[in-house]
Amino acid sequence: MTDTHTAGQEVQGEILNTVRKSQDAVVDAIKRWADAVHSMTPSMPTPNLPYSDKMPKPEEFVASAYDFAEQLLASQRKFAEDVLHATTPMLTAKNGTTARKTDAQAK
């Protein structure tokens, strides 16, 4: 069990590392593109739109969206754990061992 768990953690770590490297590459490319565009374009005045001061800043919008996503994920995790807890009696044999399906039951 430990070997499978450790191997799973190693695979997850490699996936997360690859995702981080990919994200870093994309951010770097976007930064280079933005710098290039900024150096080629003249300064443009920012339009004064009505209620623009009431709009959230991009940083606030991202933070709010991720805060909500974290809460939603935590709620989903609790739900999954509650479902597992509720089904424990069905999965546990009377002598306290984990119930296993026989070949006939599995089919």
PDB file of N, CA and C in Angstrom:
ATOM      1  N   MET A   1       0.832  -1.191   0.000  1.00  0.00           N
ATOM      2  CA  MET A   1       0.000   0.000   0.000  1.00  0.00           C
ATOM      3  C   MET A   1       0.872   1.248   0.000  1.00  0.00           C
ATOM      4  N   THR A   2       1.918   1.242   0.811  1.00  0.00           N
ATOM      5  CA  THR A   2       2.792   2.404   0.899  1.00  0.00           C
ATOM      6  C   THR A   2       3.485   2.667  -0.428  1.00  0.00           C
ATOM      7  N   ASP A   3       3.925   1.597  -1.102  1.00  0.00           N
ATOM      8  CA  ASP A   3       4.603   1.777  -2.380  1.00  0.00           C
ATOM      9  C   ASP A   3       3.680   2.414  -3.409  1.00  0.00           C
ATOM     10  N   THR A   4       2.442   1.959  -3.464  1.00  0.00           N
ATOM     11  CA  THR A   4       1.479   2.530  -4.405  1.00  0.00           C
ATOM     12  C   THR A   4       1.188   3.980  -4.046  1.00  0.00           C
ATOM     13  N   HIS A   5       1.026   4.247  -2.747  1.00  0.00           N
ATOM     14  CA  HIS A   5       0.742   5.615  -2.290  1.00  0.00           C
ATOM     15  C   HIS A   5       1.920   6.532  -2.613  1.00  0.00           C
ATOM     16  N   THR A   6       3.135   6.076  -2.345  1.00  0.00           N
ATOM     17  CA  THR A   6       4.330   6.877  -2.631  1.00  0.00           C
ATOM     18  C   THR A   6       4.480   7.107  -4.122  1.00  0.00           C
ATOM     19  N   ALA A   7       4.253   6.066  -4.913  1.00  0.00           N
ATOM     20  CA  ALA A   7       4.344   6.209  -6.371  1.00  0.00           C
ATOM     21  C   ALA A   7       3.301   7.198  -6.870  1.00  0.00           C
ATOM     22  N   GLY A   8       2.104   7.142  -6.297  1.00  0.00           N
ATOM     23  CA  GLY A   8       1.048   8.084  -6.681  1.00  0.00           C
ATOM     24  C   GLY A   8       1.432   9.513  -6.355  1.00  0.00           C
ATOM     25  N   GLN A   9       2.047   9.704  -5.191  1.00  0.00           N
ATOM     26  CA  GLN A   9       2.489  11.043  -4.812  1.00  0.00           C
ATOM     27  C   GLN A   9       3.601  11.526  -5.735  1.00  0.00           C
ATOM     28  N   GLU A  10       4.491  10.641  -6.137  1.00  0.00           N
ATOM     29  CA  GLU A  10       5.568  11.030  -7.050  1.00  0.00           C
ATOM     30  C   GLU A  10       5.003  11.452  -8.402  1.00  0.00           C
ATOM     31  N   VAL A  11       4.032  10.710  -8.901  1.00  0.00           N
ATOM     32  CA  VAL A  11       3.410  11.050 -10.181  1.00  0.00           C
ATOM     33  C   VAL A  11       2.696  12.394 -10.067  1.00  0.00           C
ATOM     34  N   GLN A  12       1.973  12.594  -8.971  1.00  0.00           N
ATOM     35  CA  GLN A  12       1.285  13.869  -8.765  1.00  0.00           C
ATOM     36  C   GLN A  12       2.285  15.016  -8.695  1.00  0.00           C
ATOM     37  N   GLY A  13       3.398  14.791  -8.015  1.00  0.00           N
ATOM     38  CA  GLY A  13       4.431  15.817  -7.919  1.00  0.00           C
ATOM     39  C   GLY A  13       5.004  16.161  -9.284  1.00  0.00           C
ATOM     40  N   GLU A  14       5.239  15.137 -10.109  1.00  0.00           N
ATOM     41  CA  GLU A  14       5.764  15.375 -11.457  1.00  0.00           C
ATOM     42  C   GLU A  14       4.757  16.142 -12.307  1.00  0.00           C
ATOM     43  N   ILE A  15       3.489  15.784 -12.192  1.00  0.00           N
ATOM     44  CA  ILE A  15       2.450  16.484 -12.956  1.00  0.00           C
ATOM     45  C   ILE A  15       2.380  17.945 -12.530  1.00  0.00           C
ATOM     46  N   LEU A  16       2.363  18.190 -11.212  1.00  0.00           N
ATOM     47  CA  LEU A  16       2.308  19.578 -10.726  1.00  0.00           C
ATOM     48  C   LEU A  16       3.533  20.365 -11.162  1.00  0.00           C
ATOM     49  N   ASN A  17       4.698  19.746 -11.135  1.00  0.00           N
ATOM     50  CA  ASN A  17       5.918  20.413 -11.575  1.00  0.00           C
ATOM     51  C   ASN A  17       5.844  20.768 -13.062  1.00  0.00           C
ATOM     52  N   THR A  18       5.338  19.844 -13.871  1.00  0.00           N
ATOM     53  CA  THR A  18       5.191  20.099 -15.304  1.00  0.00           C
ATOM     54  C   THR A  18       4.194  21.221 -15.556  1.00  0.00           C
ATOM     55  N   VAL A  19       3.093  21.216 -14.823  1.00  0.00           N
ATOM     56  CA  VAL A  19       2.087  22.276 -14.974  1.00  0.00           C
ATOM     57  C   VAL A  19       2.698  23.630 -14.605  1.00  0.00           C
ATOM     58  N   ARG A  20       3.449  23.673 -13.482  1.00  0.00           N
ATOM     59  CA  ARG A  20       4.078  24.936 -13.065  1.00  0.00           C
ATOM     60  C   ARG A  20       5.052  25.444 -14.122  1.00  0.00           C
ATOM     61  N   LYS A  21       5.859  24.544 -14.676  1.00  0.00           N
ATOM     62  CA  LYS A  21       6.820  24.952 -15.708  1.00  0.00           C
ATOM     63  C   LYS A  21       6.086  25.475 -16.944  1.00  0.00           C
ATOM     64  N   SER A  22       5.010  24.813 -17.328  1.00  0.00           N
ATOM     65  CA  SER A  22       4.224  25.262 -18.482  1.00  0.00           C
ATOM     66  C   SER A  22       3.610  26.623 -18.211  1.00  0.00           C
ATOM     67  N   GLN A  23       3.083  26.807 -17.016  1.00  0.00           N
ATOM     68  CA  GLN A  23       2.484  28.090 -16.662  1.00  0.00           C
ATOM     69  C   GLN A  23       3.543  29.194 -16.666  1.00  0.00           C
ATOM     70  N   ASP A  24       4.718  28.900 -16.131  1.00  0.00           N
ATOM     71  CA  ASP A  24       5.805  29.886 -16.132  1.00  0.00           C
ATOM     72  C   ASP A  24       6.185  30.277 -17.557  1.00  0.00           C
ATOM     73  N   ALA A  25       6.233  29.290 -18.454  1.00  0.00           N
ATOM     74  CA  ALA A  25       6.580  29.571 -19.854  1.00  0.00           C
ATOM     75  C   ALA A  25       5.521  30.468 -20.498  1.00  0.00           C
ATOM     76  N   VAL A  26       4.251  30.198 -20.223  1.00  0.00           N
ATOM     77  CA  VAL A  26       3.166  31.010 -20.791  1.00  0.00           C
ATOM     78  C   VAL A  26       3.226  32.430 -20.244  1.00  0.00           C
ATOM     79  N   VAL A  27       3.413  32.568 -18.932  1.00  0.00           N
ATOM     80  CA  VAL A  27       3.501  33.903 -18.331  1.00  0.00           C
ATOM     81  C   VAL A  27       4.681  34.666 -18.918  1.00  0.00           C
ATOM     82  N   ASP A  28       5.806  34.000 -19.085  1.00  0.00           N
ATOM     83  CA  ASP A  28       6.978  34.651 -19.665  1.00  0.00           C
ATOM     84  C   ASP A  28       6.691  35.108 -21.100  1.00  0.00           C
ATOM     85  N   ALA A  29       6.042  34.256 -21.895  1.00  0.00           N
ATOM     86  CA  ALA A  29       5.710  34.619 -23.278  1.00  0.00           C
ATOM     87  C   ALA A  29       4.747  35.810 -23.310  1.00  0.00           C
ATOM     88  N   ILE A  30       3.752  35.806 -22.431  1.00  0.00           N
ATOM     89  CA  ILE A  30       2.790  36.918 -22.390  1.00  0.00           C
ATOM     90  C   ILE A  30       3.485  38.204 -21.969  1.00  0.00           C
ATOM     91  N   LYS A  31       4.382  38.111 -20.988  1.00  0.00           N
ATOM     92  CA  LYS A  31       5.112  39.299 -20.541  1.00  0.00           C
ATOM     93  C   LYS A  31       5.962  39.863 -21.679  1.00  0.00           C
ATOM     94  N   ARG A  32       6.648  39.000 -22.407  1.00  0.00           N
ATOM     95  CA  ARG A  32       7.455  39.465 -23.545  1.00  0.00           C
ATOM     96  C   ARG A  32       6.569  40.106 -24.608  1.00  0.00           C
ATOM     97  N   TRP A  33       5.436  39.492 -24.895  1.00  0.00           N
ATOM     98  CA  TRP A  33       4.511  40.040 -25.891  1.00  0.00           C
ATOM     99  C   TRP A  33       4.005  41.411 -25.426  1.00  0.00           C
ATOM    100  N   ALA A  34       3.581  41.507 -24.163  1.00  0.00           N
ATOM    101  CA  ALA A  34       3.063  42.774 -23.646  1.00  0.00           C
ATOM    102  C   ALA A  34       4.133  43.850 -23.680  1.00  0.00           C
ATOM    103  N   ASP A  35       5.370  43.501 -23.319  1.00  0.00           N
ATOM    104  CA  ASP A  35       6.465  44.473 -23.366  1.00  0.00           C
ATOM    105  C   ASP A  35       6.720  44.942 -24.797  1.00  0.00           C
ATOM    106  N   ALA A  36       6.674  44.008 -25.752  1.00  0.00           N
ATOM    107  CA  ALA A  36       6.908  44.369 -27.156  1.00  0.00           C
ATOM    108  C   ALA A  36       5.798  45.277 -27.674  1.00  0.00           C
ATOM    109  N   VAL A  37       4.559  44.939 -27.374  1.00  0.00           N
ATOM    110  CA  VAL A  37       3.427  45.759 -27.823  1.00  0.00           C
ATOM    111  C   VAL A  37       3.495  47.128 -27.167  1.00  0.00           C
ATOM    112  N   HIS A  38       3.799  47.176 -25.897  1.00  0.00           N
ATOM    113  CA  HIS A  38       3.879  48.445 -25.172  1.00  0.00           C
ATOM    114  C   HIS A  38       4.957  49.351 -25.770  1.00  0.00           C
ATOM    115  N   SER A  39       6.081  48.774 -26.157  1.00  0.00           N
ATOM    116  CA  SER A  39       7.163  49.597 -26.710  1.00  0.00           C
ATOM    117  C   SER A  39       6.844  50.113 -28.111  1.00  0.00           C
ATOM    118  N   MET A  40       5.933  49.472 -28.822  1.00  0.00           N
ATOM    119  CA  MET A  40       5.599  49.878 -30.191  1.00  0.00           C
ATOM    120  C   MET A  40       4.378  50.777 -30.275  1.00  0.00           C
ATOM    121  N   THR A  41       3.590  50.849 -29.235  1.00  0.00           N
ATOM    122  CA  THR A  41       2.358  51.635 -29.310  1.00  0.00           C
ATOM    123  C   THR A  41       2.512  52.932 -28.531  1.00  0.00           C
ATOM    124  N   PRO A  42       1.900  53.990 -29.021  1.00  0.00           N
ATOM    125  CA  PRO A  42       1.952  55.253 -28.287  1.00  0.00           C
ATOM    126  C   PRO A  42       1.051  55.157 -27.056  1.00  0.00           C
ATOM    127  N   SER A  43       1.298  56.021 -26.130  1.00  0.00           N
ATOM    128  CA  SER A  43       0.461  56.055 -24.928  1.00  0.00           C
ATOM    129  C   SER A  43      -0.944  56.455 -25.320  1.00  0.00           C
ATOM    130  N   MET A  44      -1.887  55.700 -24.864  1.00  0.00           N
ATOM    131  CA  MET A  44      -3.284  55.991 -25.176  1.00  0.00           C
ATOM    132  C   MET A  44      -3.973  56.432 -23.895  1.00  0.00           C
ATOM    133  N   PRO A  45      -4.812  57.450 -23.997  1.00  0.00           N
ATOM    134  CA  PRO A  45      -5.527  57.877 -22.795  1.00  0.00           C
ATOM    135  C   PRO A  45      -6.535  56.805 -22.373  1.00  0.00           C
ATOM    136  N   THR A  46      -6.722  56.680 -21.084  1.00  0.00           N
ATOM    137  CA  THR A  46      -7.692  55.729 -20.557  1.00  0.00           C
ATOM    138  C   THR A  46      -9.058  56.392 -20.569  1.00  0.00           C
ATOM    139  N   PRO A  47     -10.044  55.743 -21.196  1.00  0.00           N
ATOM    140  CA  PRO A  47     -11.371  56.357 -21.233  1.00  0.00           C
ATOM    141  C   PRO A  47     -11.979  56.395 -19.838  1.00  0.00           C
ATOM    142  N   ASN A  48     -12.743  57.428 -19.576  1.00  0.00           N
ATOM    143  CA  ASN A  48     -13.405  57.577 -18.293  1.00  0.00           C
ATOM    144  C   ASN A  48     -14.838  57.084 -18.456  1.00  0.00           C
ATOM    145  N   LEU A  49     -15.057  55.815 -18.195  1.00  0.00           N
ATOM    146  CA  LEU A  49     -16.373  55.214 -18.356  1.00  0.00           C
ATOM    147  C   LEU A  49     -17.186  55.363 -17.069  1.00  0.00           C
ATOM    148  N   PRO A  50     -18.495  55.508 -17.221  1.00  0.00           N
ATOM    149  CA  PRO A  50     -19.317  55.620 -16.015  1.00  0.00           C
ATOM    150  C   PRO A  50     -19.238  54.329 -15.185  1.00  0.00           C
ATOM    151  N   TYR A  51     -19.175  54.487 -13.888  1.00  0.00           N
ATOM    152  CA  TYR A  51     -19.124  53.383 -12.927  1.00  0.00           C
ATOM    153  C   TYR A  51     -17.853  52.542 -13.005  1.00  0.00           C
ATOM    154  N   SER A  52     -16.870  52.974 -13.762  1.00  0.00           N
ATOM    155  CA  SER A  52     -15.635  52.191 -13.860  1.00  0.00           C
ATOM    156  C   SER A  52     -14.921  52.122 -12.510  1.00  0.00           C
ATOM    157  N   ASP A  53     -15.145  53.114 -11.665  1.00  0.00           N
ATOM    158  CA  ASP A  53     -14.530  53.088 -10.330  1.00  0.00           C
ATOM    159  C   ASP A  53     -15.193  52.058  -9.418  1.00  0.00           C
ATOM    160  N   LYS A  54     -16.366  51.566  -9.792  1.00  0.00           N
ATOM    161  CA  LYS A  54     -17.088  50.570  -9.003  1.00  0.00           C
ATOM    162  C   LYS A  54     -16.695  49.136  -9.393  1.00  0.00           C
ATOM    163  N   MET A  55     -16.062  48.984 -10.524  1.00  0.00           N
ATOM    164  CA  MET A  55     -15.668  47.655 -10.995  1.00  0.00           C
ATOM    165  C   MET A  55     -14.490  47.136 -10.186  1.00  0.00           C
ATOM    166  N   PRO A  56     -14.466  45.813  -9.933  1.00  0.00           N
ATOM    167  CA  PRO A  56     -13.309  45.283  -9.206  1.00  0.00           C
ATOM    168  C   PRO A  56     -12.054  45.347 -10.072  1.00  0.00           C
ATOM    169  N   LYS A  57     -10.940  45.504  -9.411  1.00  0.00           N
ATOM    170  CA  LYS A  57      -9.652  45.465 -10.115  1.00  0.00           C
ATOM    171  C   LYS A  57      -9.417  44.022 -10.569  1.00  0.00           C
ATOM    172  N   PRO A  58      -8.646  43.823 -11.630  1.00  0.00           N
ATOM    173  CA  PRO A  58      -8.395  42.444 -12.084  1.00  0.00           C
ATOM    174  C   PRO A  58      -7.861  41.537 -10.972  1.00  0.00           C
ATOM    175  N   GLU A  59      -6.977  42.071 -10.126  1.00  0.00           N
ATOM    176  CA  GLU A  59      -6.417  41.271  -9.030  1.00  0.00           C
ATOM    177  C   GLU A  59      -7.510  40.854  -8.040  1.00  0.00           C
ATOM    178  N   GLU A  60      -8.440  41.768  -7.772  1.00  0.00           N
ATOM    179  CA  GLU A  60      -9.538  41.466  -6.857  1.00  0.00           C
ATOM    180  C   GLU A  60     -10.477  40.425  -7.457  1.00  0.00           C
ATOM    181  N   PHE A  61     -10.719  40.541  -8.763  1.00  0.00           N
ATOM    182  CA  PHE A  61     -11.587  39.582  -9.443  1.00  0.00           C
ATOM    183  C   PHE A  61     -10.991  38.181  -9.387  1.00  0.00           C
ATOM    184  N   VAL A  62      -9.702  38.063  -9.679  1.00  0.00           N
ATOM    185  CA  VAL A  62      -9.034  36.756  -9.655  1.00  0.00           C
ATOM    186  C   VAL A  62      -9.049  36.187  -8.237  1.00  0.00           C
ATOM    187  N   ALA A  63      -8.713  37.015  -7.250  1.00  0.00           N
ATOM    188  CA  ALA A  63      -8.700  36.553  -5.859  1.00  0.00           C
ATOM    189  C   ALA A  63     -10.082  36.070  -5.436  1.00  0.00           C
ATOM    190  N   SER A  64     -11.106  36.821  -5.798  1.00  0.00           N
ATOM    191  CA  SER A  64     -12.470  36.451  -5.439  1.00  0.00           C
ATOM    192  C   SER A  64     -12.878  35.132  -6.100  1.00  0.00           C
ATOM    193  N   ALA A  65     -12.542  34.980  -7.366  1.00  0.00           N
ATOM    194  CA  ALA A  65     -12.895  33.755  -8.085  1.00  0.00           C
ATOM    195  C   ALA A  65     -12.204  32.538  -7.470  1.00  0.00           C
ATOM    196  N   TYR A  66     -10.934  32.680  -7.114  1.00  0.00           N
ATOM    197  CA  TYR A  66     -10.215  31.554  -6.521  1.00  0.00           C
ATOM    198  C   TYR A  66     -10.669  31.292  -5.087  1.00  0.00           C
ATOM    199  N   ASP A  67     -11.028  32.324  -4.340  1.00  0.00           N
ATOM    200  CA  ASP A  67     -11.581  32.119  -3.000  1.00  0.00           C
ATOM    201  C   ASP A  67     -12.867  31.300  -3.090  1.00  0.00           C
ATOM    202  N   PHE A  68     -13.716  31.651  -4.043  1.00  0.00           N
ATOM    203  CA  PHE A  68     -14.956  30.902  -4.242  1.00  0.00           C
ATOM    204  C   PHE A  68     -14.656  29.461  -4.656  1.00  0.00           C
ATOM    205  N   ALA A  69     -13.713  29.276  -5.576  1.00  0.00           N
ATOM    206  CA  ALA A  69     -13.366  27.930  -6.023  1.00  0.00           C
ATOM    207  C   ALA A  69     -12.828  27.084  -4.869  1.00  0.00           C
ATOM    208  N   GLU A  70     -12.030  27.682  -3.992  1.00  0.00           N
ATOM    209  CA  GLU A  70     -11.515  26.959  -2.821  1.00  0.00           C
ATOM    210  C   GLU A  70     -12.659  26.524  -1.908  1.00  0.00           C
ATOM    211  N   GLN A  71     -13.617  27.419  -1.685  1.00  0.00           N
ATOM    212  CA  GLN A  71     -14.760  27.076  -0.840  1.00  0.00           C
ATOM    213  C   GLN A  71     -15.589  25.962  -1.473  1.00  0.00           C
ATOM    214  N   LEU A  72     -15.777  26.053  -2.780  1.00  0.00           N
ATOM    215  CA  LEU A  72     -16.545  25.034  -3.492  1.00  0.00           C
ATOM    216  C   LEU A  72     -15.840  23.681  -3.431  1.00  0.00           C
ATOM    217  N   LEU A  73     -14.530  23.669  -3.635  1.00  0.00           N
ATOM    218  CA  LEU A  73     -13.770  22.427  -3.575  1.00  0.00           C
ATOM    219  C   LEU A  73     -13.811  21.833  -2.166  1.00  0.00           C
ATOM    220  N   ALA A  74     -13.691  22.670  -1.139  1.00  0.00           N
ATOM    221  CA  ALA A  74     -13.776  22.188   0.241  1.00  0.00           C
ATOM    222  C   ALA A  74     -15.145  21.578   0.513  1.00  0.00           C
ATOM    223  N   SER A  75     -16.191  22.206  -0.018  1.00  0.00           N
ATOM    224  CA  SER A  75     -17.546  21.690   0.141  1.00  0.00           C
ATOM    225  C   SER A  75     -17.691  20.337  -0.554  1.00  0.00           C
ATOM    226  N   GLN A  76     -17.143  20.214  -1.743  1.00  0.00           N
ATOM    227  CA  GLN A  76     -17.206  18.954  -2.483  1.00  0.00           C
ATOM    228  C   GLN A  76     -16.429  17.850  -1.760  1.00  0.00           C
ATOM    229  N   ARG A  77     -15.281  18.217  -1.188  1.00  0.00           N
ATOM    230  CA  ARG A  77     -14.491  17.228  -0.442  1.00  0.00           C
ATOM    231  C   ARG A  77     -15.276  16.720   0.766  1.00  0.00           C
ATOM    232  N   LYS A  78     -15.898  17.648   1.512  1.00  0.00           N
ATOM    233  CA  LYS A  78     -16.689  17.250   2.673  1.00  0.00           C
ATOM    234  C   LYS A  78     -17.837  16.348   2.240  1.00  0.00           C
ATOM    235  N   PHE A  79     -18.485  16.680   1.138  1.00  0.00           N
ATOM    236  CA  PHE A  79     -19.576  15.858   0.620  1.00  0.00           C
ATOM    237  C   PHE A  79     -19.079  14.443   0.302  1.00  0.00           C
ATOM    238  N   ALA A  80     -17.948  14.329  -0.386  1.00  0.00           N
ATOM    239  CA  ALA A  80     -17.402  13.012  -0.735  1.00  0.00           C
ATOM    240  C   ALA A  80     -17.045  12.228   0.527  1.00  0.00           C
ATOM    241  N   GLU A  81     -16.450  12.901   1.512  1.00  0.00           N
ATOM    242  CA  GLU A  81     -16.101  12.229   2.764  1.00  0.00           C
ATOM    243  C   GLU A  81     -17.358  11.792   3.509  1.00  0.00           C
ATOM    244  N   ASP A  82     -18.407  12.615   3.497  1.00  0.00           N
ATOM    245  CA  ASP A  82     -19.666  12.254   4.144  1.00  0.00           C
ATOM    246  C   ASP A  82     -20.305  11.044   3.460  1.00  0.00           C
ATOM    247  N   VAL A  83     -20.239  10.993   2.134  1.00  0.00           N
ATOM    248  CA  VAL A  83     -20.783   9.848   1.398  1.00  0.00           C
ATOM    249  C   VAL A  83     -20.001   8.584   1.766  1.00  0.00           C
ATOM    250  N   LEU A  84     -18.673   8.674   1.813  1.00  0.00           N
ATOM    251  CA  LEU A  84     -17.875   7.514   2.209  1.00  0.00           C
ATOM    252  C   LEU A  84     -18.223   7.068   3.622  1.00  0.00           C
ATOM    253  N   HIS A  85     -18.378   8.039   4.525  1.00  0.00           N
ATOM    254  CA  HIS A  85     -18.725   7.711   5.908  1.00  0.00           C
ATOM    255  C   HIS A  85     -20.106   7.040   5.968  1.00  0.00           C
ATOM    256  N   ALA A  86     -21.041   7.542   5.203  1.00  0.00           N
ATOM    257  CA  ALA A  86     -22.392   6.990   5.205  1.00  0.00           C
ATOM    258  C   ALA A  86     -22.428   5.571   4.652  1.00  0.00           C
ATOM    259  N   THR A  87     -21.525   5.252   3.741  1.00  0.00           N
ATOM    260  CA  THR A  87     -21.516   3.914   3.138  1.00  0.00           C
ATOM    261  C   THR A  87     -20.591   2.945   3.858  1.00  0.00           C
ATOM    262  N   THR A  88     -19.901   3.403   4.900  1.00  0.00           N
ATOM    263  CA  THR A  88     -18.976   2.530   5.633  1.00  0.00           C
ATOM    264  C   THR A  88     -19.655   1.258   6.133  1.00  0.00           C
ATOM    265  N   PRO A  89     -20.855   1.321   6.725  1.00  0.00           N
ATOM    266  CA  PRO A  89     -21.476   0.079   7.189  1.00  0.00           C
ATOM    267  C   PRO A  89     -21.681  -0.939   6.065  1.00  0.00           C
ATOM    268  N   MET A  90     -21.935  -0.461   4.880  1.00  0.00           N
ATOM    269  CA  MET A  90     -22.148  -1.345   3.746  1.00  0.00           C
ATOM    270  C   MET A  90     -20.835  -2.004   3.310  1.00  0.00           C
ATOM    271  N   LEU A  91     -19.728  -1.300   3.534  1.00  0.00           N
ATOM    272  CA  LEU A  91     -18.432  -1.794   3.090  1.00  0.00           C
ATOM    273  C   LEU A  91     -17.703  -2.601   4.156  1.00  0.00           C
ATOM    274  N   THR A  92     -18.201  -2.594   5.378  1.00  0.00           N
ATOM    275  CA  THR A  92     -17.533  -3.280   6.467  1.00  0.00           C
ATOM    276  C   THR A  92     -18.324  -4.519   6.851  1.00  0.00           C
ATOM    277  N   ALA A  93     -17.633  -5.651   6.908  1.00  0.00           N
ATOM    278  CA  ALA A  93     -18.269  -6.904   7.305  1.00  0.00           C
ATOM    279  C   ALA A  93     -18.567  -6.862   8.802  1.00  0.00           C
ATOM    280  N   LYS A  94     -19.374  -7.777   9.279  1.00  0.00           N
ATOM    281  CA  LYS A  94     -19.761  -7.784  10.687  1.00  0.00           C
ATOM    282  C   LYS A  94     -18.582  -7.980  11.623  1.00  0.00           C
ATOM    283  N   ASN A  95     -17.530  -8.629  11.165  1.00  0.00           N
ATOM    284  CA  ASN A  95     -16.378  -8.866  12.033  1.00  0.00           C
ATOM    285  C   ASN A  95     -15.368  -7.725  11.969  1.00  0.00           C
ATOM    286  N   GLY A  96     -15.706  -6.637  11.275  1.00  0.00           N
ATOM    287  CA  GLY A  96     -14.836  -5.465  11.246  1.00  0.00           C
ATOM    288  C   GLY A  96     -13.869  -5.428  10.083  1.00  0.00           C
ATOM    289  N   THR A  97     -13.856  -6.468   9.253  1.00  0.00           N
ATOM    290  CA  THR A  97     -12.967  -6.462   8.097  1.00  0.00           C
ATOM    291  C   THR A  97     -13.685  -5.839   6.922  1.00  0.00           C
ATOM    292  N   THR A  98     -12.930  -5.401   5.959  1.00  0.00           N
ATOM    293  CA  THR A  98     -13.518  -4.794   4.772  1.00  0.00           C
ATOM    294  C   THR A  98     -14.217  -5.866   3.957  1.00  0.00           C
ATOM    295  N   ALA A  99     -15.462  -5.600   3.600  1.00  0.00           N
ATOM    296  CA  ALA A  99     -16.212  -6.541   2.780  1.00  0.00           C
ATOM    297  C   ALA A  99     -15.663  -6.507   1.363  1.00  0.00           C
ATOM    298  N   ARG A 100     -15.472  -7.678   0.793  1.00  0.00           N
ATOM    299  CA  ARG A 100     -14.991  -7.765  -0.585  1.00  0.00           C
ATOM    300  C   ARG A 100     -15.988  -8.553  -1.411  1.00  0.00           C
ATOM    301  N   LYS A 101     -16.142  -8.137  -2.642  1.00  0.00           N
ATOM    302  CA  LYS A 101     -17.048  -8.853  -3.532  1.00  0.00           C
ATOM    303  C   LYS A 101     -16.365 -10.116  -4.025  1.00  0.00           C
ATOM    304  N   THR A 102     -17.149 -11.179  -4.096  1.00  0.00           N
ATOM    305  CA  THR A 102     -16.624 -12.396  -4.709  1.00  0.00           C
ATOM    306  C   THR A 102     -16.675 -12.203  -6.214  1.00  0.00           C
ATOM    307  N   ASP A 103     -16.075 -13.123  -6.956  1.00  0.00           N
ATOM    308  CA  ASP A 103     -16.089 -13.009  -8.415  1.00  0.00           C
ATOM    309  C   ASP A 103     -17.516 -12.986  -8.940  1.00  0.00           C
ATOM    310  N   ALA A 104     -18.394 -13.755  -8.344  1.00  0.00           N
ATOM    311  CA  ALA A 104     -19.790 -13.810  -8.792  1.00  0.00           C
ATOM    312  C   ALA A 104     -20.497 -12.480  -8.506  1.00  0.00           C
ATOM    313  N   GLN A 105     -20.204 -11.853  -7.349  1.00  0.00           N
ATOM    314  CA  GLN A 105     -20.830 -10.582  -7.010  1.00  0.00           C
ATOM    315  C   GLN A 105     -20.313  -9.451  -7.879  1.00  0.00           C
ATOM    316  N   ALA A 106     -19.055  -9.514  -8.266  1.00  0.00           N
ATOM    317  CA  ALA A 106     -18.455  -8.454  -9.056  1.00  0.00           C
ATOM    318  C   ALA A 106     -18.997  -8.407 -10.469  1.00  0.00           C
ATOM    319  N   LYS A 107     -19.528  -9.529 -10.955  1.00  0.00           N
ATOM    320  CA  LYS A 107     -20.036  -9.579 -12.341  1.00  0.00           C
ATOM    321  C   LYS A 107     -21.401  -9.082 -12.452  1.00  0.00           C
TER     322      LYS A 107
END
